[in-house]
C-alpha atoms as a PDB file:
ATOM      1  CA  MET A   1      86.701 141.553  66.878  1.00  0.00           C
ATOM      2  CA  GLY A   2      86.843 138.847  69.552  1.00  0.00           C
ATOM      3  CA  ILE A   3      88.104 139.789  73.016  1.00  0.00           C
ATOM      4  CA  LEU A   4      90.797 137.593  74.538  1.00  0.00           C
ATOM      5  CA  ASN A   5      91.963 138.743  77.981  1.00  0.00           C
ATOM      6  CA  VAL A   6      94.924 136.902  79.513  1.00  0.00           C
ATOM      7  CA  THR A   7      94.458 138.783  82.795  1.00  0.00           C
ATOM      8  CA  PRO A   8      93.417 137.811  86.330  1.00  0.00           C
ATOM      9  CA  ASP A   9      91.230 140.892  86.812  1.00  0.00           C
ATOM     10  CA  SER A  10      89.328 141.878  83.680  1.00  0.00           C
ATOM     11  CA  PHE A  11      85.718 142.802  84.476  1.00  0.00           C
ATOM     12  CA  SER A  12      84.066 140.017  82.523  1.00  0.00           C
ATOM     13  CA  ASP A  13      86.427 137.109  81.957  1.00  0.00           C
ATOM     14  CA  GLY A  14      89.395 137.800  84.230  1.00  0.00           C
ATOM     15  CA  GLY A  15      91.348 134.651  85.142  1.00  0.00           C
ATOM     16  CA  LYS A  16      89.700 132.359  82.585  1.00  0.00           C
ATOM     17  CA  TYR A  17      92.405 132.430  79.926  1.00  0.00           C
ATOM     18  CA  GLN A  18      95.685 133.086  81.758  1.00  0.00           C
ATOM     19  CA  ASP A  19      97.011 129.665  80.786  1.00  0.00           C
ATOM     20  CA  LEU A  20      98.582 129.628  77.313  1.00  0.00           C
ATOM     21  CA  GLU A  21      96.658 126.601  76.056  1.00  0.00           C
ATOM     22  CA  ALA A  22      93.383 127.948  77.431  1.00  0.00           C
ATOM     23  CA  ALA A  23      93.993 131.262  75.647  1.00  0.00           C
ATOM     24  CA  VAL A  24      94.786 129.581  72.346  1.00  0.00           C
ATOM     25  CA  ALA A  25      91.744 127.316  72.640  1.00  0.00           C
ATOM     26  CA  ARG A  26      89.525 130.311  73.353  1.00  0.00           C
ATOM     27  CA  ALA A  27      90.926 132.116  70.300  1.00  0.00           C
ATOM     28  CA  GLY A  28      90.254 129.054  68.197  1.00  0.00           C
ATOM     29  CA  ARG A  29      86.618 128.953  69.320  1.00  0.00           C
ATOM     30  CA  MET A  30      86.169 132.635  68.522  1.00  0.00           C
ATOM     31  CA  VAL A  31      87.626 132.151  65.047  1.00  0.00           C
ATOM     32  CA  GLU A  32      85.280 129.226  64.434  1.00  0.00           C
ATOM     33  CA  GLU A  33      82.363 131.430  65.626  1.00  0.00           C
ATOM     34  CA  GLY A  34      83.249 134.115  63.103  1.00  0.00           C
ATOM     35  CA  ALA A  35      85.815 136.469  64.662  1.00  0.00           C
ATOM     36  CA  ASP A  36      87.662 138.472  62.019  1.00  0.00           C
ATOM     37  CA  ILE A  37      90.239 139.822  64.471  1.00  0.00           C
ATOM     38  CA  ILE A  38      91.469 138.607  67.877  1.00  0.00           C
ATOM     39  CA  ASP A  39      92.029 141.478  70.350  1.00  0.00           C
ATOM     40  CA  LEU A  40      94.510 140.313  72.992  1.00  0.00           C
ATOM     41  CA  GLY A  41      94.871 142.128  76.295  1.00  0.00           C
ATOM     42  CA  GLY A  42      97.364 141.528  79.092  1.00  0.00           C
ATOM     43  CA  GLU A  43      96.359 144.419  81.392  1.00  0.00           C
ATOM     44  CA  SER A  44      92.856 145.063  82.687  1.00  0.00           C
ATOM     45  CA  THR A  45      91.395 148.476  81.912  1.00  0.00           C
ATOM     46  CA  ARG A  46      88.357 148.093  84.129  1.00  0.00           C
ATOM     47  CA  PRO A  47      87.595 151.030  86.452  1.00  0.00           C
ATOM     48  CA  GLY A  48      90.069 151.004  89.344  1.00  0.00           C
ATOM     49  CA  PHE A  49      92.462 148.584  87.629  1.00  0.00           C
ATOM     50  CA  ILE A  50      96.029 148.175  88.941  1.00  0.00           C
ATOM     51  CA  PRO A  51      98.541 149.257  86.275  1.00  0.00           C
ATOM     52  CA  LEU A  52     101.179 146.748  85.156  1.00  0.00           C
ATOM     53  CA  ASP A  53     104.786 147.352  84.272  1.00  0.00           C
ATOM     54  CA  ALA A  54     105.699 146.668  80.645  1.00  0.00           C
ATOM     55  CA  GLU A  55     107.745 143.565  81.456  1.00  0.00           C
ATOM     56  CA  THR A  56     104.887 141.815  83.237  1.00  0.00           C
ATOM     57  CA  GLU A  57     102.401 142.724  80.530  1.00  0.00           C
ATOM     58  CA  SER A  58     104.754 141.491  77.834  1.00  0.00           C
ATOM     59  CA  ARG A  59     105.331 138.174  79.621  1.00  0.00           C
ATOM     60  CA  ARG A  60     101.584 137.632  79.595  1.00  0.00           C
ATOM     61  CA  ILE A  61     100.933 138.343  75.954  1.00  0.00           C
ATOM     62  CA  VAL A  62     104.010 137.592  73.842  1.00  0.00           C
ATOM     63  CA  PRO A  63     103.803 133.758  74.101  1.00  0.00           C
ATOM     64  CA  VAL A  64     100.119 133.983  73.219  1.00  0.00           C
ATOM     65  CA  VAL A  65     100.819 136.227  70.195  1.00  0.00           C
ATOM     66  CA  GLU A  66     103.408 133.750  68.920  1.00  0.00           C
ATOM     67  CA  ARG A  67     100.880 130.917  69.064  1.00  0.00           C
ATOM     68  CA  LEU A  68      97.994 132.919  67.603  1.00  0.00           C
ATOM     69  CA  VAL A  69      99.915 134.019  64.511  1.00  0.00           C
ATOM     70  CA  GLN A  70     101.167 130.488  64.045  1.00  0.00           C
ATOM     71  CA  ASP A  71      97.808 128.748  64.501  1.00  0.00           C
ATOM     72  CA  PHE A  72      95.309 131.193  62.959  1.00  0.00           C
ATOM     73  CA  LYS A  73      95.038 133.330  59.873  1.00  0.00           C
ATOM     74  CA  VAL A  74      93.078 136.240  61.392  1.00  0.00           C
ATOM     75  CA  PRO A  75      94.906 139.426  62.392  1.00  0.00           C
ATOM     76  CA  VAL A  76      95.939 139.825  66.045  1.00  0.00           C
ATOM     77  CA  SER A  77      95.334 143.129  67.780  1.00  0.00           C
ATOM     78  CA  ILE A  78      97.154 144.080  71.005  1.00  0.00           C
ATOM     79  CA  ASP A  79      95.211 146.074  73.603  1.00  0.00           C
ATOM     80  CA  THR A  80      98.014 148.113  75.187  1.00  0.00           C
ATOM     81  CA  THR A  81      99.036 151.665  75.986  1.00  0.00           C
ATOM     82  CA  LYS A  82     102.771 150.963  76.234  1.00  0.00           C
ATOM     83  CA  ALA A  83     105.321 151.293  73.421  1.00  0.00           C
ATOM     84  CA  ALA A  84     107.609 148.650  74.939  1.00  0.00           C
ATOM     85  CA  VAL A  85     104.781 146.100  75.014  1.00  0.00           C
ATOM     86  CA  ALA A  86     103.641 147.009  71.524  1.00  0.00           C
ATOM     87  CA  LYS A  87     107.171 146.602  70.166  1.00  0.00           C
ATOM     88  CA  ARG A  88     107.562 143.114  71.625  1.00  0.00           C
ATOM     89  CA  ALA A  89     104.120 142.045  70.444  1.00  0.00           C
ATOM     90  CA  LEU A  90     104.671 143.381  66.921  1.00  0.00           C
ATOM     91  CA  GLU A  91     108.065 141.637  66.781  1.00  0.00           C
ATOM     92  CA  ALA A  92     106.206 138.448  67.722  1.00  0.00           C
ATOM     93  CA  GLY A  93     103.878 138.917  64.749  1.00  0.00           C
ATOM     94  CA  ALA A  94     100.916 141.022  65.956  1.00  0.00           C
ATOM     95  CA  HIS A  95      99.272 143.211  63.334  1.00  0.00           C
ATOM     96  CA  ILE A  96      97.302 145.944  65.154  1.00  0.00           C
ATOM     97  CA  ILE A  97      97.742 148.145  68.221  1.00  0.00           C
ATOM     98  CA  ASN A  98      94.536 149.016  70.145  1.00  0.00           C
ATOM     99  CA  ASP A  99      95.329 152.008  72.377  1.00  0.00           C
ATOM    100  CA  ILE A 100      92.682 153.129  74.838  1.00  0.00           C
ATOM    101  CA  TRP A 101      94.431 156.485  75.073  1.00  0.00           C
ATOM    102  CA  GLY A 102      94.639 157.190  71.358  1.00  0.00           C
ATOM    103  CA  LEU A 103      98.455 157.544  71.295  1.00  0.00           C
ATOM    104  CA  GLN A 104      98.265 160.349  73.889  1.00  0.00           C
ATOM    105  CA  ARG A 105      99.811 158.588  76.910  1.00  0.00           C
ATOM    106  CA  ASP A 106     103.052 156.993  75.724  1.00  0.00           C
ATOM    107  CA  PRO A 107     104.821 159.331  73.242  1.00  0.00           C
ATOM    108  CA  ASP A 108     106.755 156.411  71.713  1.00  0.00           C
ATOM    109  CA  LEU A 109     103.746 154.268  70.846  1.00  0.00           C
ATOM    110  CA  ALA A 110     103.018 156.075  67.581  1.00  0.00           C
ATOM    111  CA  THR A 111     106.652 155.744  66.452  1.00  0.00           C
ATOM    112  CA  VAL A 112     106.734 152.031  67.222  1.00  0.00           C
ATOM    113  CA  SER A 113     103.433 151.444  65.373  1.00  0.00           C
ATOM    114  CA  ALA A 114     104.695 153.310  62.354  1.00  0.00           C
ATOM    115  CA  ALA A 115     107.963 151.395  62.288  1.00  0.00           C
ATOM    116  CA  PHE A 116     106.057 148.097  61.973  1.00  0.00           C
ATOM    117  CA  ASP A 117     103.428 149.505  59.590  1.00  0.00           C
ATOM    118  CA  ALA A 118     100.842 148.326  62.113  1.00  0.00           C
ATOM    119  CA  GLY A 119      97.171 149.098  62.166  1.00  0.00           C
ATOM    120  CA  VAL A 120      96.235 151.421  65.031  1.00  0.00           C
ATOM    121  CA  LEU A 121      92.887 151.814  66.794  1.00  0.00           C
ATOM    122  CA  LEU A 122      92.576 155.274  68.337  1.00  0.00           C
ATOM    123  CA  MET A 123      90.177 155.347  71.249  1.00  0.00           C
ATOM    124  CA  HIS A 124      88.768 158.396  73.039  1.00  0.00           C
ATOM    125  CA  ASN A 125      89.396 158.498  76.777  1.00  0.00           C
ATOM    126  CA  ARG A 126      89.641 160.957  79.651  1.00  0.00           C
ATOM    127  CA  ASP A 127      90.065 160.951  83.437  1.00  0.00           C
ATOM    128  CA  ASN A 128      86.666 162.511  84.221  1.00  0.00           C
ATOM    129  CA  CYS A 129      83.146 162.950  82.867  1.00  0.00           C
ATOM    130  CA  SER A 130      83.213 166.757  82.496  1.00  0.00           C
ATOM    131  CA  TYR A 131      82.475 167.855  78.932  1.00  0.00           C
ATOM    132  CA  GLN A 132      81.690 171.231  77.350  1.00  0.00           C
ATOM    133  CA  ASP A 133      80.272 169.497  74.278  1.00  0.00           C
ATOM    134  CA  LEU A 134      80.252 165.710  74.418  1.00  0.00           C
ATOM    135  CA  MET A 135      80.732 164.773  70.734  1.00  0.00           C
ATOM    136  CA  GLY A 136      82.655 167.935  69.994  1.00  0.00           C
ATOM    137  CA  ASP A 137      85.128 167.101  72.744  1.00  0.00           C
ATOM    138  CA  ILE A 138      85.383 163.460  71.610  1.00  0.00           C
ATOM    139  CA  ILE A 139      86.075 164.517  68.037  1.00  0.00           C
ATOM    140  CA  ALA A 140      88.646 167.093  69.178  1.00  0.00           C
ATOM    141  CA  PHE A 141      90.469 164.416  71.167  1.00  0.00           C
ATOM    142  CA  LEU A 142      90.460 162.000  68.200  1.00  0.00           C
ATOM    143  CA  CYS A 143      91.693 164.793  65.881  1.00  0.00           C
ATOM    144  CA  LYS A 144      94.658 165.242  68.202  1.00  0.00           C
ATOM    145  CA  SER A 145      95.269 161.489  68.087  1.00  0.00           C
ATOM    146  CA  LEU A 146      95.179 161.598  64.286  1.00  0.00           C
ATOM    147  CA  GLU A 147      97.731 164.403  64.254  1.00  0.00           C
ATOM    148  CA  ILE A 148     100.060 162.361  66.443  1.00  0.00           C
ATOM    149  CA  ALA A 149      99.586 159.263  64.271  1.00  0.00           C
ATOM    150  CA  GLN A 150     100.176 161.080  61.010  1.00  0.00           C
ATOM    151  CA  GLY A 151     103.105 163.007  62.440  1.00  0.00           C
ATOM    152  CA  ALA A 152     104.771 159.695  63.336  1.00  0.00           C
ATOM    153  CA  GLY A 153     104.243 158.387  59.822  1.00  0.00           C
ATOM    154  CA  ILE A 154     101.336 155.996  60.448  1.00  0.00           C
ATOM    155  CA  LYS A 155      99.445 155.548  57.175  1.00  0.00           C
ATOM    156  CA  ARG A 156      95.893 156.915  57.237  1.00  0.00           C
ATOM    157  CA  GLU A 157      94.597 153.621  55.795  1.00  0.00           C
ATOM    158  CA  ASN A 158      96.024 151.898  58.912  1.00  0.00           C
ATOM    159  CA  LEU A 159      93.839 153.922  61.302  1.00  0.00           C
ATOM    160  CA  ALA A 160      90.392 153.445  62.842  1.00  0.00           C
ATOM    161  CA  LEU A 161      88.515 155.344  65.572  1.00  0.00           C
ATOM    162  CA  ASP A 162      86.767 154.232  68.746  1.00  0.00           C
ATOM    163  CA  PRO A 163      84.474 156.628  70.734  1.00  0.00           C
ATOM    164  CA  GLY A 164      85.454 154.931  73.979  1.00  0.00           C
ATOM    165  CA  ILE A 165      82.136 153.697  75.361  1.00  0.00           C
ATOM    166  CA  GLY A 166      82.594 153.114  79.087  1.00  0.00           C
ATOM    167  CA  PHE A 167      85.701 155.294  79.401  1.00  0.00           C
ATOM    168  CA  GLY A 168      85.458 158.765  80.961  1.00  0.00           C
ATOM    169  CA  LYS A 169      81.674 158.798  80.492  1.00  0.00           C
ATOM    170  CA  ASP A 170      78.684 158.290  82.755  1.00  0.00           C
ATOM    171  CA  LEU A 171      75.605 156.323  81.700  1.00  0.00           C
ATOM    172  CA  SER A 172      73.823 159.173  79.974  1.00  0.00           C
ATOM    173  CA  GLN A 173      77.007 160.179  78.156  1.00  0.00           C
ATOM    174  CA  ASN A 174      77.617 156.591  77.013  1.00  0.00           C
ATOM    175  CA  LEU A 175      74.094 156.401  75.638  1.00  0.00           C
ATOM    176  CA  GLU A 176      74.395 159.762  73.942  1.00  0.00           C
ATOM    177  CA  THR A 177      77.749 158.810  72.413  1.00  0.00           C
ATOM    178  CA  LEU A 178      76.206 155.674  70.948  1.00  0.00           C
ATOM    179  CA  ARG A 179      73.179 157.571  69.731  1.00  0.00           C
ATOM    180  CA  ARG A 180      75.395 160.196  68.011  1.00  0.00           C
ATOM    181  CA  LEU A 181      77.986 157.753  66.690  1.00  0.00           C
ATOM    182  CA  GLN A 182      77.360 158.797  63.102  1.00  0.00           C
ATOM    183  CA  GLU A 183      78.961 162.170  63.799  1.00  0.00           C
ATOM    184  CA  LEU A 184      82.367 160.442  63.965  1.00  0.00           C
ATOM    185  CA  GLN A 185      82.004 159.641  60.251  1.00  0.00           C
ATOM    186  CA  ALA A 186      82.990 163.266  59.576  1.00  0.00           C
ATOM    187  CA  LEU A 187      86.605 162.217  60.292  1.00  0.00           C
ATOM    188  CA  GLY A 188      86.500 159.824  57.330  1.00  0.00           C
ATOM    189  CA  LEU A 189      87.823 156.699  59.033  1.00  0.00           C
ATOM    190  CA  PRO A 190      86.360 153.322  60.052  1.00  0.00           C
ATOM    191  CA  ILE A 191      84.662 153.258  63.443  1.00  0.00           C
ATOM    192  CA  LEU A 192      85.135 150.552  66.087  1.00  0.00           C
ATOM    193  CA  LEU A 193      82.476 150.150  68.747  1.00  0.00           C
ATOM    194  CA  GLY A 194      83.092 148.332  72.049  1.00  0.00           C
ATOM    195  CA  THR A 195      79.985 147.944  74.227  1.00  0.00           C
ATOM    196  CA  SER A 196      80.167 144.253  75.046  1.00  0.00           C
ATOM    197  CA  ARG A 197      78.864 143.408  78.525  1.00  0.00           C
ATOM    198  CA  LYS A 198      79.743 146.912  79.720  1.00  0.00           C
ATOM    199  CA  SER A 199      78.214 148.810  82.611  1.00  0.00           C
ATOM    200  CA  LEU A 200      75.831 150.826  80.419  1.00  0.00           C
ATOM    201  CA  VAL A 201      74.067 147.549  79.607  1.00  0.00           C
ATOM    202  CA  GLY A 202      74.147 146.451  83.235  1.00  0.00           C
ATOM    203  CA  LYS A 203      72.778 149.763  84.528  1.00  0.00           C
ATOM    204  CA  VAL A 204      69.960 150.019  82.002  1.00  0.00           C
ATOM    205  CA  LEU A 205      68.830 146.422  82.456  1.00  0.00           C
ATOM    206  CA  ASN A 206      69.980 145.953  86.087  1.00  0.00           C
ATOM    207  CA  LEU A 207      71.835 142.764  85.133  1.00  0.00           C
ATOM    208  CA  PRO A 208      75.180 141.202  86.096  1.00  0.00           C
ATOM    209  CA  VAL A 209      77.984 140.795  83.577  1.00  0.00           C
ATOM    210  CA  GLN A 210      77.106 137.235  82.590  1.00  0.00           C
ATOM    211  CA  ASP A 211      73.527 138.221  81.667  1.00  0.00           C
ATOM    212  CA  ARG A 212      74.193 141.110  79.294  1.00  0.00           C
ATOM    213  CA  VAL A 213      74.119 139.295  75.914  1.00  0.00           C
ATOM    214  CA  GLU A 214      70.779 140.672  74.767  1.00  0.00           C
ATOM    215  CA  GLY A 215      71.615 144.206  75.893  1.00  0.00           C
ATOM    216  CA  THR A 216      74.913 144.001  74.116  1.00  0.00           C
ATOM    217  CA  ALA A 217      73.116 142.748  70.990  1.00  0.00           C
ATOM    218  CA  ALA A 218      70.895 145.839  71.005  1.00  0.00           C
ATOM    219  CA  THR A 219      73.922 148.144  71.184  1.00  0.00           C
ATOM    220  CA  VAL A 220      75.686 146.217  68.393  1.00  0.00           C
ATOM    221  CA  ALA A 221      72.723 146.366  66.047  1.00  0.00           C
ATOM    222  CA  LEU A 222      72.063 150.056  66.765  1.00  0.00           C
ATOM    223  CA  GLY A 223      75.766 150.816  66.612  1.00  0.00           C
ATOM    224  CA  ILE A 224      75.943 149.379  63.092  1.00  0.00           C
ATOM    225  CA  ALA A 225      72.851 151.362  62.136  1.00  0.00           C
ATOM    226  CA  TYR A 226      74.583 154.478  63.483  1.00  0.00           C
ATOM    227  CA  GLY A 227      77.772 153.852  61.504  1.00  0.00           C
ATOM    228  CA  ALA A 228      80.022 151.335  63.296  1.00  0.00           C
ATOM    229  CA  ASP A 229      82.253 149.279  60.975  1.00  0.00           C
ATOM    230  CA  PHE A 230      83.770 146.952  63.582  1.00  0.00           C
ATOM    231  CA  VAL A 231      82.417 145.656  66.910  1.00  0.00           C
ATOM    232  CA  ARG A 232      84.567 144.384  69.771  1.00  0.00           C
ATOM    233  CA  VAL A 233      82.750 141.603  71.623  1.00  0.00           C
ATOM    234  CA  HIS A 234      83.015 138.688  74.077  1.00  0.00           C
ATOM    235  CA  ASP A 235      80.116 136.611  72.706  1.00  0.00           C
ATOM    236  CA  VAL A 236      81.365 136.157  69.159  1.00  0.00           C
ATOM    237  CA  GLN A 237      78.840 133.707  67.746  1.00  0.00           C
ATOM    238  CA  ALA A 238      75.805 135.639  68.888  1.00  0.00           C
ATOM    239  CA  MET A 239      77.201 139.062  67.962  1.00  0.00           C
ATOM    240  CA  LYS A 240      78.412 137.828  64.553  1.00  0.00           C
ATOM    241  CA  ARG A 241      74.843 136.864  63.771  1.00  0.00           C
ATOM    242  CA  VAL A 242      73.573 140.222  65.010  1.00  0.00           C
ATOM    243  CA  ALA A 243      76.174 142.062  62.935  1.00  0.00           C
ATOM    244  CA  VAL A 244      75.468 140.092  59.750  1.00  0.00           C
ATOM    245  CA  MET A 245      71.738 140.706  60.073  1.00  0.00           C
ATOM    246  CA  ALA A 246      72.222 144.394  60.866  1.00  0.00           C
ATOM    247  CA  ASP A 247      74.580 144.757  57.893  1.00  0.00           C
ATOM    248  CA  ALA A 248      72.013 143.142  55.618  1.00  0.00           C
ATOM    249  CA  VAL A 249      69.485 145.781  56.658  1.00  0.00           C
ATOM    250  CA  VAL A 250      71.752 148.819  56.867  1.00  0.00           C
ATOM    251  CA  ARG A 251      74.259 148.158  54.082  1.00  0.00           C
ATOM    252  CA  GLY A 252      72.426 145.618  51.963  1.00  0.00           C
ATOM    253  CA  SER A 253      75.352 143.235  52.354  1.00  0.00           C
ATOM    254  CA  VAL A 254      73.969 139.719  52.304  1.00  0.00           C
ATOM    255  CA  PRO A 255      76.647 136.968  52.646  1.00  0.00           C
END
């Protein structure tokens, strides 16, 4: 899954792809480099981000969605927490909703996703780092998200889970979540892992955002070994190679 942020303030690539043509060109490069899904975001979710209203977020992403579905054959995912934004993006042709709050913030998001038969990525999140049992609490949260999804009529085969690396977790908790990723397989759904260029890499290696490729590669390879089925990344060509090699070892799947 290639990350395409059309935002001025995302932590890694904010401001680079706000222009429509620049965004489409970036998506094209990621598809050429091996992206299977383009994940489009119009609102930064970095720590301390300034929330957007639905109208502003929609204005950023809808024209890009329209071009992506016209120009490329890969599915388009929308990184949003808002039902109104999701509806407009799905009407424009998007295929997947990637919700960092696992359908637990906007009560209408599940209904909208079900109405369009969209794929939905359910991510774990919280407002603090206080846990009684880290993986137990993550799984409990995701079980609640699954209940919401299924109650709204979202098909189980349209769902995947994300443990939320970098969200509501400190460094040790992020590393433990990655190390225990396989425990999420108990829920019987595909697992998405998003570690690309994140602070856990920067803190371990003491490196700025632009120098975190190798650290990200380590988390991608280990994440696949621990059970990840999808990886959400900025550096598509490098991480595609890492993923293919890791898959060959872990799953025996040689292209």
